[in-house]
Amino acid sequence: MSADTRFQEAASALGYSFEGELKVGGNYVPLLRDGTTLYISGQVPRVGSSVVVTGRVGEAVSLAQAQVAAKVCAMRALALLQRELGSLDKVRQILRVTVYTLSSSGFTQQSEVADGASELLHSVLGEAGKHTRTSVGVYQLPKNASVELDLIASVKV
C-alpha cells in the first residue's frame, strides 16, 4: 500500500479532509526546499479555516485531545510534502520533528502529546516516518492552538 493511500486512510480515521488550500498567515512560506531537504513551517491543528483543538493542555484540553491535535498538525505537514513532491512515497526520511504544547503549569506529558504525531508519521510513511524529536511545553501558541508542529524531511532524488 502506498504512503498516499495510508495518508487518505489516516485522514478518514481522524474525520478531516486535508484537500484544498492549507491556510497560512504571515510573511513566510509553509515549505522551503534546499536540495533534498524540505523544511515545513509550524503547523497548528487547523482544518479549513478553523483551529480544531484550542486551549491549554492539562486544563481545557485532555491528553487524548492534544494527541489528536498533534496528529492533525502532522497531517497538515504531510499534505504540504505531498503537494510539493507529488507523492509521499518520495519522502526518504523524516529527519526532525518539534512539537510545542500549550501547557498548563502542572502539565508534564509533552512527549506523550508528541507521540500522537510520531505514531501518525510512522503509520503513514513506515520506516521513513521514524525521526528525531523534541517536545516542548509553552505558555502560548498562535490562535490559542493547543499544539504546533514543525518538521524537516529528506526526499528521494
Protein backbone atom coordinates (compact mmCIF):
# COMPACT_ATOMS: atom_id res chain seq x y z
CA MET A 1 0.00 0.00 0.00
CA SER A 2 1.33 3.44 -0.89
CA ALA A 3 2.02 6.19 1.62
CA ASP A 4 -0.57 8.29 -0.20
CA THR A 5 -3.24 5.64 0.42
CA ARG A 6 -2.22 5.41 4.09
CA PHE A 7 -2.45 9.24 4.25
CA GLN A 8 -6.03 9.13 2.97
CA GLU A 9 -6.88 6.38 5.48
CA ALA A 10 -5.40 8.45 8.31
CA ALA A 11 -7.43 11.48 7.22
CA SER A 12 -10.60 9.37 7.19
CA ALA A 13 -9.80 7.95 10.63
CA LEU A 14 -9.38 11.48 12.00
CA GLY A 15 -12.59 12.58 10.28
CA TYR A 16 -10.97 15.52 8.47
CA SER A 17 -10.09 16.38 4.89
CA PHE A 18 -6.72 17.91 4.09
CA GLU A 19 -7.60 18.71 0.48
CA GLY A 20 -7.89 22.26 -0.78
CA GLU A 21 -5.97 25.28 0.42
CA LEU A 22 -3.95 24.94 3.61
CA LYS A 23 -4.33 28.38 5.15
CA VAL A 24 -1.19 30.10 6.41
CA GLY A 25 -0.83 33.54 7.89
CA GLY A 26 2.05 35.94 7.84
CA ASN A 27 5.01 36.77 5.66
CA TYR A 28 6.57 33.32 5.34
CA VAL A 29 6.29 30.18 3.24
CA PRO A 30 4.85 26.93 4.61
CA LEU A 31 7.52 24.82 2.90
CA LEU A 32 11.06 25.58 1.80
CA ARG A 33 13.21 23.23 -0.23
CA ASP A 34 17.01 23.17 -0.12
CA GLY A 35 18.17 20.38 -2.41
CA THR A 36 16.83 17.15 -0.97
CA THR A 37 15.88 18.70 2.37
CA LEU A 38 12.42 20.14 2.96
CA TYR A 39 11.60 22.39 5.89
CA ILE A 40 7.95 22.63 6.97
CA SER A 41 6.91 25.73 8.93
CA GLY A 42 4.96 25.33 12.16
CA GLN A 43 1.54 23.78 11.64
CA VAL A 44 -1.33 24.24 14.09
CA PRO A 45 -4.33 21.87 14.12
CA ARG A 46 -6.24 23.88 11.52
CA VAL A 47 -8.74 22.26 9.18
CA GLY A 48 -10.11 24.66 6.62
CA SER A 49 -10.32 27.98 8.43
CA SER A 50 -10.87 26.52 11.93
CA VAL A 51 -8.31 25.57 14.54
CA VAL A 52 -9.97 22.37 15.74
CA VAL A 53 -8.24 21.97 19.13
CA THR A 54 -7.67 25.09 21.22
CA GLY A 55 -6.84 25.78 24.82
CA ARG A 56 -4.33 24.79 27.43
CA VAL A 57 -3.49 21.09 27.70
CA GLY A 58 -3.99 19.87 31.24
CA GLU A 59 -6.84 22.34 31.79
CA ALA A 60 -9.40 22.74 29.00
CA VAL A 61 -7.80 20.09 26.76
CA SER A 62 -7.12 16.45 27.69
CA LEU A 63 -4.03 14.47 26.74
CA ALA A 64 -6.12 12.47 24.24
CA GLN A 65 -7.44 15.65 22.60
CA ALA A 66 -3.90 17.05 22.43
CA GLN A 67 -2.71 13.86 20.73
CA VAL A 68 -5.43 14.31 18.10
CA ALA A 69 -4.25 17.91 17.66
CA ALA A 70 -0.69 16.65 17.12
CA LYS A 71 -1.98 14.20 14.50
CA VAL A 72 -3.82 16.99 12.67
CA CYS A 73 -0.63 19.09 12.69
CA ALA A 74 1.34 16.14 11.28
CA MET A 75 -1.31 15.57 8.59
CA ARG A 76 -1.01 19.21 7.51
CA ALA A 77 2.77 18.80 7.25
CA LEU A 78 2.33 15.61 5.22
CA ALA A 79 -0.19 17.34 2.95
CA LEU A 80 2.39 20.04 2.23
CA LEU A 81 5.02 17.40 1.46
CA GLN A 82 2.61 15.52 -0.79
CA ARG A 83 1.79 18.66 -2.77
CA GLU A 84 5.45 19.53 -3.21
CA LEU A 85 6.57 16.02 -4.18
CA GLY A 86 3.51 14.64 -5.95
CA SER A 87 3.60 11.57 -3.71
CA LEU A 88 4.54 10.82 -0.12
CA ASP A 89 6.40 7.76 -1.42
CA LYS A 90 9.16 10.24 -2.39
CA VAL A 91 9.90 11.01 1.28
CA ARG A 92 13.21 9.34 2.11
CA GLN A 93 13.13 10.16 5.83
CA ILE A 94 11.52 12.49 8.32
CA LEU A 95 14.66 13.84 9.96
CA ARG A 96 13.34 16.01 12.77
CA VAL A 97 10.05 16.92 14.40
CA THR A 98 9.46 19.59 17.04
CA VAL A 99 6.14 19.59 18.89
CA TYR A 100 5.08 22.56 21.00
CA THR A 101 2.27 22.04 23.54
CA LEU A 102 0.27 24.90 25.08
CA SER A 103 0.64 23.55 28.63
CA SER A 104 -0.94 24.24 31.99
CA SER A 105 1.53 24.91 34.80
CA GLY A 106 1.47 21.33 36.08
CA PHE A 107 1.29 19.50 32.74
CA THR A 108 4.40 17.42 32.06
CA GLN A 109 3.28 14.98 29.35
CA GLN A 110 4.53 16.93 26.34
CA SER A 111 6.31 13.85 24.98
CA GLU A 112 3.05 11.87 25.16
CA VAL A 113 1.33 14.64 23.17
CA ALA A 114 4.11 14.40 20.57
CA ASP A 115 3.59 10.62 20.43
CA GLY A 116 0.36 11.32 18.53
CA ALA A 117 2.31 12.93 15.71
CA SER A 118 5.13 10.38 15.81
CA GLU A 119 2.73 7.44 15.60
CA LEU A 120 0.89 9.04 12.68
CA LEU A 121 4.10 9.76 10.75
CA HIS A 122 5.25 6.16 11.21
CA SER A 123 1.86 4.71 10.25
CA VAL A 124 1.72 6.76 7.03
CA LEU A 125 5.39 6.63 5.99
CA GLY A 126 6.61 3.39 7.58
CA GLU A 127 10.33 3.38 8.33
CA ALA A 128 10.68 6.75 6.54
CA GLY A 129 8.47 8.22 9.27
CA LYS A 130 10.93 7.49 12.08
CA HIS A 131 12.59 10.70 13.24
CA THR A 132 14.42 12.60 15.93
CA ARG A 133 12.13 14.72 18.06
CA THR A 134 11.88 17.46 20.63
CA SER A 135 8.71 18.15 22.61
CA VAL A 136 8.32 21.42 24.46
CA GLY A 137 5.73 22.95 26.76
CA VAL A 138 4.99 26.60 26.02
CA TYR A 139 2.94 29.42 27.52
CA GLN A 140 1.14 30.48 24.31
CA LEU A 141 0.69 29.42 20.67
CA PRO A 142 -0.86 31.20 17.67
CA LYS A 143 -4.68 31.25 17.56
CA ASN A 144 -4.74 29.62 21.03
CA ALA A 145 -3.88 26.32 19.32
CA SER A 146 -3.17 23.50 21.76
CA VAL A 147 -0.29 22.13 19.65
CA GLU A 148 2.09 23.31 16.94
CA LEU A 149 4.48 21.11 14.97
CA ASP A 150 7.29 21.72 12.51
CA LEU A 151 9.43 19.18 10.72
CA ILE A 152 12.37 18.58 8.42
CA ALA A 153 12.28 15.87 5.77
CA SER A 154 14.75 14.39 3.32
CA VAL A 155 13.42 13.36 -0.09
CA LYS A 156 14.49 10.86 -2.73
CA VAL A 157 16.36 12.26 -5.71
